[in-house]
Amino acid sequence: MNAESLTWVAIGLASAAYISHRHMQQKPKVIYAPSAQKEVDPTRWRHDGTQPIAQHDGNHRIDRDTYAERELQMMLYP
């Protein structure tokens, strides 16, 4: 055998040993209990009717109220 064949045999043996070693290792299975601090509170997005409703473009409020609309709102919701 020449030197190149021996090099590929050594590479093959090293990679086979590495792969078999990785498959033999068992990783511990960690089971985490749910954290109460990380739970999402759905009441935080609840709308109870007191929040003002407005259209937004990003952080900028779009005011489309005209004088007639404001007067109508004042008549309907005193």
PDB file of N, CA and C in Angstrom:
ATOM      1  N   MET A   1       0.842  -1.184   0.000  1.00  0.00           N
ATOM      2  CA  MET A   1       0.000   0.000   0.000  1.00  0.00           C
ATOM      3  C   MET A   1       0.879   1.236   0.000  1.00  0.00           C
ATOM      4  N   ASN A   2       0.361   2.220  -0.664  1.00  0.00           N
ATOM      5  CA  ASN A   2       1.134   3.456  -0.669  1.00  0.00           C
ATOM      6  C   ASN A   2       0.680   4.359   0.473  1.00  0.00           C
ATOM      7  N   ALA A   3       1.314   5.489   0.622  1.00  0.00           N
ATOM      8  CA  ALA A   3       1.075   6.390   1.758  1.00  0.00           C
ATOM      9  C   ALA A   3      -0.306   7.038   1.676  1.00  0.00           C
ATOM     10  N   GLU A   4      -0.780   7.274   0.447  1.00  0.00           N
ATOM     11  CA  GLU A   4      -2.089   7.922   0.323  1.00  0.00           C
ATOM     12  C   GLU A   4      -3.204   6.986   0.795  1.00  0.00           C
ATOM     13  N   SER A   5      -3.110   5.725   0.494  1.00  0.00           N
ATOM     14  CA  SER A   5      -4.115   4.767   0.940  1.00  0.00           C
ATOM     15  C   SER A   5      -4.128   4.663   2.456  1.00  0.00           C
ATOM     16  N   LEU A   6      -2.946   4.641   3.046  1.00  0.00           N
ATOM     17  CA  LEU A   6      -2.866   4.570   4.507  1.00  0.00           C
ATOM     18  C   LEU A   6      -3.459   5.833   5.151  1.00  0.00           C
ATOM     19  N   THR A   7      -3.274   6.977   4.508  1.00  0.00           N
ATOM     20  CA  THR A   7      -3.837   8.230   5.033  1.00  0.00           C
ATOM     21  C   THR A   7      -5.357   8.164   5.030  1.00  0.00           C
ATOM     22  N   TRP A   8      -5.960   7.663   3.924  1.00  0.00           N
ATOM     23  CA  TRP A   8      -7.418   7.577   3.847  1.00  0.00           C
ATOM     24  C   TRP A   8      -7.978   6.528   4.803  1.00  0.00           C
ATOM     25  N   VAL A   9      -7.230   5.449   5.041  1.00  0.00           N
ATOM     26  CA  VAL A   9      -7.665   4.447   6.022  1.00  0.00           C
ATOM     27  C   VAL A   9      -7.651   5.061   7.417  1.00  0.00           C
ATOM     28  N   ALA A  10      -6.627   5.834   7.730  1.00  0.00           N
ATOM     29  CA  ALA A  10      -6.539   6.483   9.039  1.00  0.00           C
ATOM     30  C   ALA A  10      -7.662   7.499   9.214  1.00  0.00           C
ATOM     31  N   ILE A  11      -7.954   8.260   8.152  1.00  0.00           N
ATOM     32  CA  ILE A  11      -9.051   9.237   8.221  1.00  0.00           C
ATOM     33  C   ILE A  11     -10.381   8.506   8.412  1.00  0.00           C
ATOM     34  N   GLY A  12     -10.588   7.406   7.704  1.00  0.00           N
ATOM     35  CA  GLY A  12     -11.814   6.625   7.839  1.00  0.00           C
ATOM     36  C   GLY A  12     -11.979   6.047   9.231  1.00  0.00           C
ATOM     37  N   LEU A  13     -10.895   5.507   9.781  1.00  0.00           N
ATOM     38  CA  LEU A  13     -10.959   4.951  11.130  1.00  0.00           C
ATOM     39  C   LEU A  13     -11.221   6.042  12.172  1.00  0.00           C
ATOM     40  N   ALA A  14     -10.598   7.186  12.023  1.00  0.00           N
ATOM     41  CA  ALA A  14     -10.798   8.285  12.967  1.00  0.00           C
ATOM     42  C   ALA A  14     -12.223   8.803  12.903  1.00  0.00           C
ATOM     43  N   SER A  15     -12.760   8.943  11.685  1.00  0.00           N
ATOM     44  CA  SER A  15     -14.131   9.440  11.570  1.00  0.00           C
ATOM     45  C   SER A  15     -15.130   8.404  12.082  1.00  0.00           C
ATOM     46  N   ALA A  16     -14.892   7.118  11.855  1.00  0.00           N
ATOM     47  CA  ALA A  16     -15.782   6.072  12.375  1.00  0.00           C
ATOM     48  C   ALA A  16     -15.750   6.059  13.895  1.00  0.00           C
ATOM     49  N   ALA A  17     -14.578   6.230  14.477  1.00  0.00           N
ATOM     50  CA  ALA A  17     -14.471   6.269  15.934  1.00  0.00           C
ATOM     51  C   ALA A  17     -15.184   7.494  16.495  1.00  0.00           C
ATOM     52  N   TYR A  18     -15.038   8.603  15.822  1.00  0.00           N
ATOM     53  CA  TYR A  18     -15.697   9.845  16.274  1.00  0.00           C
ATOM     54  C   TYR A  18     -17.220   9.713  16.214  1.00  0.00           C
ATOM     55  N   ILE A  19     -17.721   9.164  15.113  1.00  0.00           N
ATOM     56  CA  ILE A  19     -19.174   9.023  14.952  1.00  0.00           C
ATOM     57  C   ILE A  19     -19.732   8.041  15.976  1.00  0.00           C
ATOM     58  N   SER A  20     -19.048   6.915  16.178  1.00  0.00           N
ATOM     59  CA  SER A  20     -19.555   5.945  17.151  1.00  0.00           C
ATOM     60  C   SER A  20     -19.490   6.501  18.570  1.00  0.00           C
ATOM     61  N   HIS A  21     -18.486   7.297  18.868  1.00  0.00           N
ATOM     62  CA  HIS A  21     -18.376   7.912  20.199  1.00  0.00           C
ATOM     63  C   HIS A  21     -19.509   8.917  20.432  1.00  0.00           C
ATOM     64  N   ARG A  22     -19.850   9.675  19.404  1.00  0.00           N
ATOM     65  CA  ARG A  22     -20.939  10.658  19.546  1.00  0.00           C
ATOM     66  C   ARG A  22     -22.283   9.977  19.722  1.00  0.00           C
ATOM     67  N   HIS A  23     -22.502   8.848  19.049  1.00  0.00           N
ATOM     68  CA  HIS A  23     -23.782   8.158  19.181  1.00  0.00           C
ATOM     69  C   HIS A  23     -23.911   7.436  20.516  1.00  0.00           C
ATOM     70  N   MET A  24     -22.805   7.087  21.144  1.00  0.00           N
ATOM     71  CA  MET A  24     -22.859   6.380  22.419  1.00  0.00           C
ATOM     72  C   MET A  24     -23.128   7.328  23.579  1.00  0.00           C
ATOM     73  N   GLN A  25     -22.843   8.594  23.408  1.00  0.00           N
ATOM     74  CA  GLN A  25     -23.091   9.552  24.484  1.00  0.00           C
ATOM     75  C   GLN A  25     -24.587   9.806  24.601  1.00  0.00           C
ATOM     76  N   GLN A  26     -25.112   9.706  25.802  1.00  0.00           N
ATOM     77  CA  GLN A  26     -26.515   9.995  26.021  1.00  0.00           C
ATOM     78  C   GLN A  26     -26.621  11.323  26.744  1.00  0.00           C
ATOM     79  N   LYS A  27     -27.378  12.202  26.163  1.00  0.00           N
ATOM     80  CA  LYS A  27     -27.559  13.508  26.764  1.00  0.00           C
ATOM     81  C   LYS A  27     -28.699  13.420  27.770  1.00  0.00           C
ATOM     82  N   PRO A  28     -28.535  14.006  28.928  1.00  0.00           N
ATOM     83  CA  PRO A  28     -29.611  13.945  29.916  1.00  0.00           C
ATOM     84  C   PRO A  28     -30.825  14.740  29.446  1.00  0.00           C
ATOM     85  N   LYS A  29     -31.989  14.151  29.633  1.00  0.00           N
ATOM     86  CA  LYS A  29     -33.213  14.827  29.246  1.00  0.00           C
ATOM     87  C   LYS A  29     -33.670  15.675  30.424  1.00  0.00           C
ATOM     88  N   VAL A  30     -33.703  16.961  30.198  1.00  0.00           N
ATOM     89  CA  VAL A  30     -34.090  17.892  31.244  1.00  0.00           C
ATOM     90  C   VAL A  30     -35.546  18.282  31.016  1.00  0.00           C
ATOM     91  N   ILE A  31     -36.343  18.124  32.039  1.00  0.00           N
ATOM     92  CA  ILE A  31     -37.751  18.489  31.956  1.00  0.00           C
ATOM     93  C   ILE A  31     -37.958  19.710  32.834  1.00  0.00           C
ATOM     94  N   TYR A  32     -38.384  20.790  32.199  1.00  0.00           N
ATOM     95  CA  TYR A  32     -38.603  22.029  32.920  1.00  0.00           C
ATOM     96  C   TYR A  32     -40.087  22.191  33.223  1.00  0.00           C
ATOM     97  N   ALA A  33     -40.368  22.642  34.411  1.00  0.00           N
ATOM     98  CA  ALA A  33     -41.750  22.968  34.759  1.00  0.00           C
ATOM     99  C   ALA A  33     -42.066  24.359  34.218  1.00  0.00           C
ATOM    100  N   PRO A  34     -43.305  24.632  33.820  1.00  0.00           N
ATOM    101  CA  PRO A  34     -43.633  25.965  33.320  1.00  0.00           C
ATOM    102  C   PRO A  34     -43.457  27.020  34.398  1.00  0.00           C
ATOM    103  N   SER A  35     -42.904  28.133  33.995  1.00  0.00           N
ATOM    104  CA  SER A  35     -42.639  29.217  34.937  1.00  0.00           C
ATOM    105  C   SER A  35     -43.834  30.165  34.967  1.00  0.00           C
ATOM    106  N   ALA A  36     -44.284  30.512  36.153  1.00  0.00           N
ATOM    107  CA  ALA A  36     -45.415  31.432  36.285  1.00  0.00           C
ATOM    108  C   ALA A  36     -45.012  32.835  35.860  1.00  0.00           C
ATOM    109  N   GLN A  37     -43.745  33.194  36.021  1.00  0.00           N
ATOM    110  CA  GLN A  37     -43.308  34.537  35.632  1.00  0.00           C
ATOM    111  C   GLN A  37     -43.242  34.706  34.126  1.00  0.00           C
ATOM    112  N   LYS A  38     -43.042  33.605  33.396  1.00  0.00           N
ATOM    113  CA  LYS A  38     -42.912  33.700  31.947  1.00  0.00           C
ATOM    114  C   LYS A  38     -44.241  33.523  31.229  1.00  0.00           C
ATOM    115  N   GLU A  39     -45.294  33.219  31.937  1.00  0.00           N
ATOM    116  CA  GLU A  39     -46.603  33.051  31.307  1.00  0.00           C
ATOM    117  C   GLU A  39     -47.127  34.397  30.822  1.00  0.00           C
ATOM    118  N   VAL A  40     -47.839  34.389  29.710  1.00  0.00           N
ATOM    119  CA  VAL A  40     -48.393  35.603  29.143  1.00  0.00           C
ATOM    120  C   VAL A  40     -49.730  35.889  29.816  1.00  0.00           C
ATOM    121  N   ASP A  41     -49.926  37.121  30.231  1.00  0.00           N
ATOM    122  CA  ASP A  41     -51.164  37.528  30.876  1.00  0.00           C
ATOM    123  C   ASP A  41     -52.124  38.031  29.798  1.00  0.00           C
ATOM    124  N   PRO A  42     -53.180  37.271  29.444  1.00  0.00           N
ATOM    125  CA  PRO A  42     -54.066  37.705  28.367  1.00  0.00           C
ATOM    126  C   PRO A  42     -54.896  38.929  28.741  1.00  0.00           C
ATOM    127  N   THR A  43     -55.032  39.233  30.017  1.00  0.00           N
ATOM    128  CA  THR A  43     -55.827  40.400  30.407  1.00  0.00           C
ATOM    129  C   THR A  43     -55.110  41.698  30.075  1.00  0.00           C
ATOM    130  N   ARG A  44     -53.851  41.619  29.764  1.00  0.00           N
ATOM    131  CA  ARG A  44     -53.109  42.844  29.470  1.00  0.00           C
ATOM    132  C   ARG A  44     -53.555  43.464  28.150  1.00  0.00           C
ATOM    133  N   TRP A  45     -54.120  42.667  27.236  1.00  0.00           N
ATOM    134  CA  TRP A  45     -54.586  43.194  25.958  1.00  0.00           C
ATOM    135  C   TRP A  45     -56.108  43.343  25.914  1.00  0.00           C
ATOM    136  N   ARG A  46     -56.760  43.148  27.045  1.00  0.00           N
ATOM    137  CA  ARG A  46     -58.216  43.214  27.062  1.00  0.00           C
ATOM    138  C   ARG A  46     -58.673  44.651  26.864  1.00  0.00           C
ATOM    139  N   HIS A  47     -59.715  44.828  26.090  1.00  0.00           N
ATOM    140  CA  HIS A  47     -60.264  46.156  25.839  1.00  0.00           C
ATOM    141  C   HIS A  47     -61.569  46.260  26.601  1.00  0.00           C
ATOM    142  N   ASP A  48     -61.640  47.175  27.556  1.00  0.00           N
ATOM    143  CA  ASP A  48     -62.849  47.291  28.372  1.00  0.00           C
ATOM    144  C   ASP A  48     -63.739  48.457  27.950  1.00  0.00           C
ATOM    145  N   GLY A  49     -63.434  49.093  26.830  1.00  0.00           N
ATOM    146  CA  GLY A  49     -64.273  50.160  26.315  1.00  0.00           C
ATOM    147  C   GLY A  49     -63.861  51.545  26.760  1.00  0.00           C
ATOM    148  N   THR A  50     -62.949  51.665  27.696  1.00  0.00           N
ATOM    149  CA  THR A  50     -62.535  52.998  28.154  1.00  0.00           C
ATOM    150  C   THR A  50     -61.365  53.538  27.349  1.00  0.00           C
ATOM    151  N   GLN A  51     -60.670  52.676  26.622  1.00  0.00           N
ATOM    152  CA  GLN A  51     -59.527  53.132  25.850  1.00  0.00           C
ATOM    153  C   GLN A  51     -60.013  53.883  24.612  1.00  0.00           C
ATOM    154  N   PRO A  52     -59.334  54.970  24.264  1.00  0.00           N
ATOM    155  CA  PRO A  52     -59.716  55.683  23.052  1.00  0.00           C
ATOM    156  C   PRO A  52     -59.335  54.868  21.815  1.00  0.00           C
ATOM    157  N   ILE A  53     -60.185  54.924  20.830  1.00  0.00           N
ATOM    158  CA  ILE A  53     -59.928  54.190  19.594  1.00  0.00           C
ATOM    159  C   ILE A  53     -59.454  55.200  18.559  1.00  0.00           C
ATOM    160  N   ALA A  54     -58.310  54.946  17.970  1.00  0.00           N
ATOM    161  CA  ALA A  54     -57.759  55.833  16.952  1.00  0.00           C
ATOM    162  C   ALA A  54     -56.972  55.002  15.961  1.00  0.00           C
ATOM    163  N   GLN A  55     -56.878  55.492  14.743  1.00  0.00           N
ATOM    164  CA  GLN A  55     -56.060  54.823  13.748  1.00  0.00           C
ATOM    165  C   GLN A  55     -54.630  55.314  13.891  1.00  0.00           C
ATOM    166  N   HIS A  56     -53.683  54.405  13.737  1.00  0.00           N
ATOM    167  CA  HIS A  56     -52.273  54.737  13.890  1.00  0.00           C
ATOM    168  C   HIS A  56     -51.501  54.314  12.658  1.00  0.00           C
ATOM    169  N   ASP A  57     -50.498  55.105  12.333  1.00  0.00           N
ATOM    170  CA  ASP A  57     -49.540  54.772  11.297  1.00  0.00           C
ATOM    171  C   ASP A  57     -48.199  54.689  12.004  1.00  0.00           C
ATOM    172  N   GLY A  58     -47.832  53.486  12.446  1.00  0.00           N
ATOM    173  CA  GLY A  58     -46.647  53.348  13.284  1.00  0.00           C
ATOM    174  C   GLY A  58     -46.953  53.932  14.650  1.00  0.00           C
ATOM    175  N   ASN A  59     -46.166  54.892  15.099  1.00  0.00           N
ATOM    176  CA  ASN A  59     -46.425  55.555  16.371  1.00  0.00           C
ATOM    177  C   ASN A  59     -47.184  56.867  16.194  1.00  0.00           C
ATOM    178  N   HIS A  60     -47.518  57.191  14.971  1.00  0.00           N
ATOM    179  CA  HIS A  60     -48.158  58.465  14.665  1.00  0.00           C
ATOM    180  C   HIS A  60     -49.667  58.262  14.557  1.00  0.00           C
ATOM    181  N   ARG A  61     -50.436  59.038  15.291  1.00  0.00           N
ATOM    182  CA  ARG A  61     -51.890  58.934  15.243  1.00  0.00           C
ATOM    183  C   ARG A  61     -52.406  59.669  14.016  1.00  0.00           C
ATOM    184  N   ILE A  62     -53.345  59.043  13.322  1.00  0.00           N
ATOM    185  CA  ILE A  62     -53.954  59.662  12.157  1.00  0.00           C
ATOM    186  C   ILE A  62     -55.254  60.290  12.607  1.00  0.00           C
ATOM    187  N   ASP A  63     -55.319  61.604  12.629  1.00  0.00           N
ATOM    188  CA  ASP A  63     -56.539  62.311  13.011  1.00  0.00           C
ATOM    189  C   ASP A  63     -57.353  62.599  11.764  1.00  0.00           C
ATOM    190  N   ARG A  64     -58.493  61.956  11.668  1.00  0.00           N
ATOM    191  CA  ARG A  64     -59.375  62.195  10.541  1.00  0.00           C
ATOM    192  C   ARG A  64     -60.690  62.785  11.013  1.00  0.00           C
ATOM    193  N   ASP A  65     -60.731  63.226  12.266  1.00  0.00           N
ATOM    194  CA  ASP A  65     -61.958  63.796  12.802  1.00  0.00           C
ATOM    195  C   ASP A  65     -62.217  65.158  12.167  1.00  0.00           C
ATOM    196  N   THR A  66     -63.414  65.338  11.740  1.00  0.00           N
ATOM    197  CA  THR A  66     -63.831  66.653  11.261  1.00  0.00           C
ATOM    198  C   THR A  66     -64.769  67.247  12.308  1.00  0.00           C
ATOM    199  N   TYR A  67     -65.113  68.469  12.126  1.00  0.00           N
ATOM    200  CA  TYR A  67     -65.994  69.153  13.068  1.00  0.00           C
ATOM    201  C   TYR A  67     -67.347  68.450  13.151  1.00  0.00           C
ATOM    202  N   ALA A  68     -67.881  67.988  12.013  1.00  0.00           N
ATOM    203  CA  ALA A  68     -69.181  67.313  11.990  1.00  0.00           C
ATOM    204  C   ALA A  68     -69.110  65.976  12.730  1.00  0.00           C
ATOM    205  N   GLU A  69     -68.011  65.255  12.570  1.00  0.00           N
ATOM    206  CA  GLU A  69     -67.870  63.982  13.270  1.00  0.00           C
ATOM    207  C   GLU A  69     -67.802  64.192  14.772  1.00  0.00           C
ATOM    208  N   ARG A  70     -67.066  65.210  15.212  1.00  0.00           N
ATOM    209  CA  ARG A  70     -66.973  65.472  16.651  1.00  0.00           C
ATOM    210  C   ARG A  70     -68.320  65.881  17.227  1.00  0.00           C
ATOM    211  N   GLU A  71     -69.083  66.656  16.477  1.00  0.00           N
ATOM    212  CA  GLU A  71     -70.404  67.057  16.942  1.00  0.00           C
ATOM    213  C   GLU A  71     -71.326  65.845  17.056  1.00  0.00           C
ATOM    214  N   LEU A  72     -71.256  64.954  16.083  1.00  0.00           N
ATOM    215  CA  LEU A  72     -72.061  63.747  16.107  1.00  0.00           C
ATOM    216  C   LEU A  72     -71.676  62.871  17.294  1.00  0.00           C
ATOM    217  N   GLN A  73     -70.382  62.765  17.573  1.00  0.00           N
ATOM    218  CA  GLN A  73     -69.943  61.988  18.725  1.00  0.00           C
ATOM    219  C   GLN A  73     -70.451  62.590  20.025  1.00  0.00           C
ATOM    220  N   MET A  74     -70.457  63.905  20.125  1.00  0.00           N
ATOM    221  CA  MET A  74     -70.927  64.555  21.338  1.00  0.00           C
ATOM    222  C   MET A  74     -72.431  64.330  21.533  1.00  0.00           C
ATOM    223  N   MET A  75     -73.184  64.241  20.417  1.00  0.00           N
ATOM    224  CA  MET A  75     -74.617  63.991  20.527  1.00  0.00           C
ATOM    225  C   MET A  75     -74.885  62.549  20.917  1.00  0.00           C
ATOM    226  N   LEU A  76     -74.115  61.612  20.348  1.00  0.00           N
ATOM    227  CA  LEU A  76     -74.355  60.203  20.617  1.00  0.00           C
ATOM    228  C   LEU A  76     -73.820  59.766  21.982  1.00  0.00           C
ATOM    229  N   TYR A  77     -72.686  60.292  22.358  1.00  0.00           N
ATOM    230  CA  TYR A  77     -72.041  59.890  23.622  1.00  0.00           C
ATOM    231  C   TYR A  77     -71.841  61.133  24.488  1.00  0.00           C
ATOM    232  N   PRO A  78     -72.857  61.502  25.258  1.00  0.00           N
ATOM    233  CA  PRO A  78     -72.728  62.742  26.055  1.00  0.00           C
ATOM    234  C   PRO A  78     -71.776  62.619  27.221  1.00  0.00           C
TER     235      PRO A  78
END
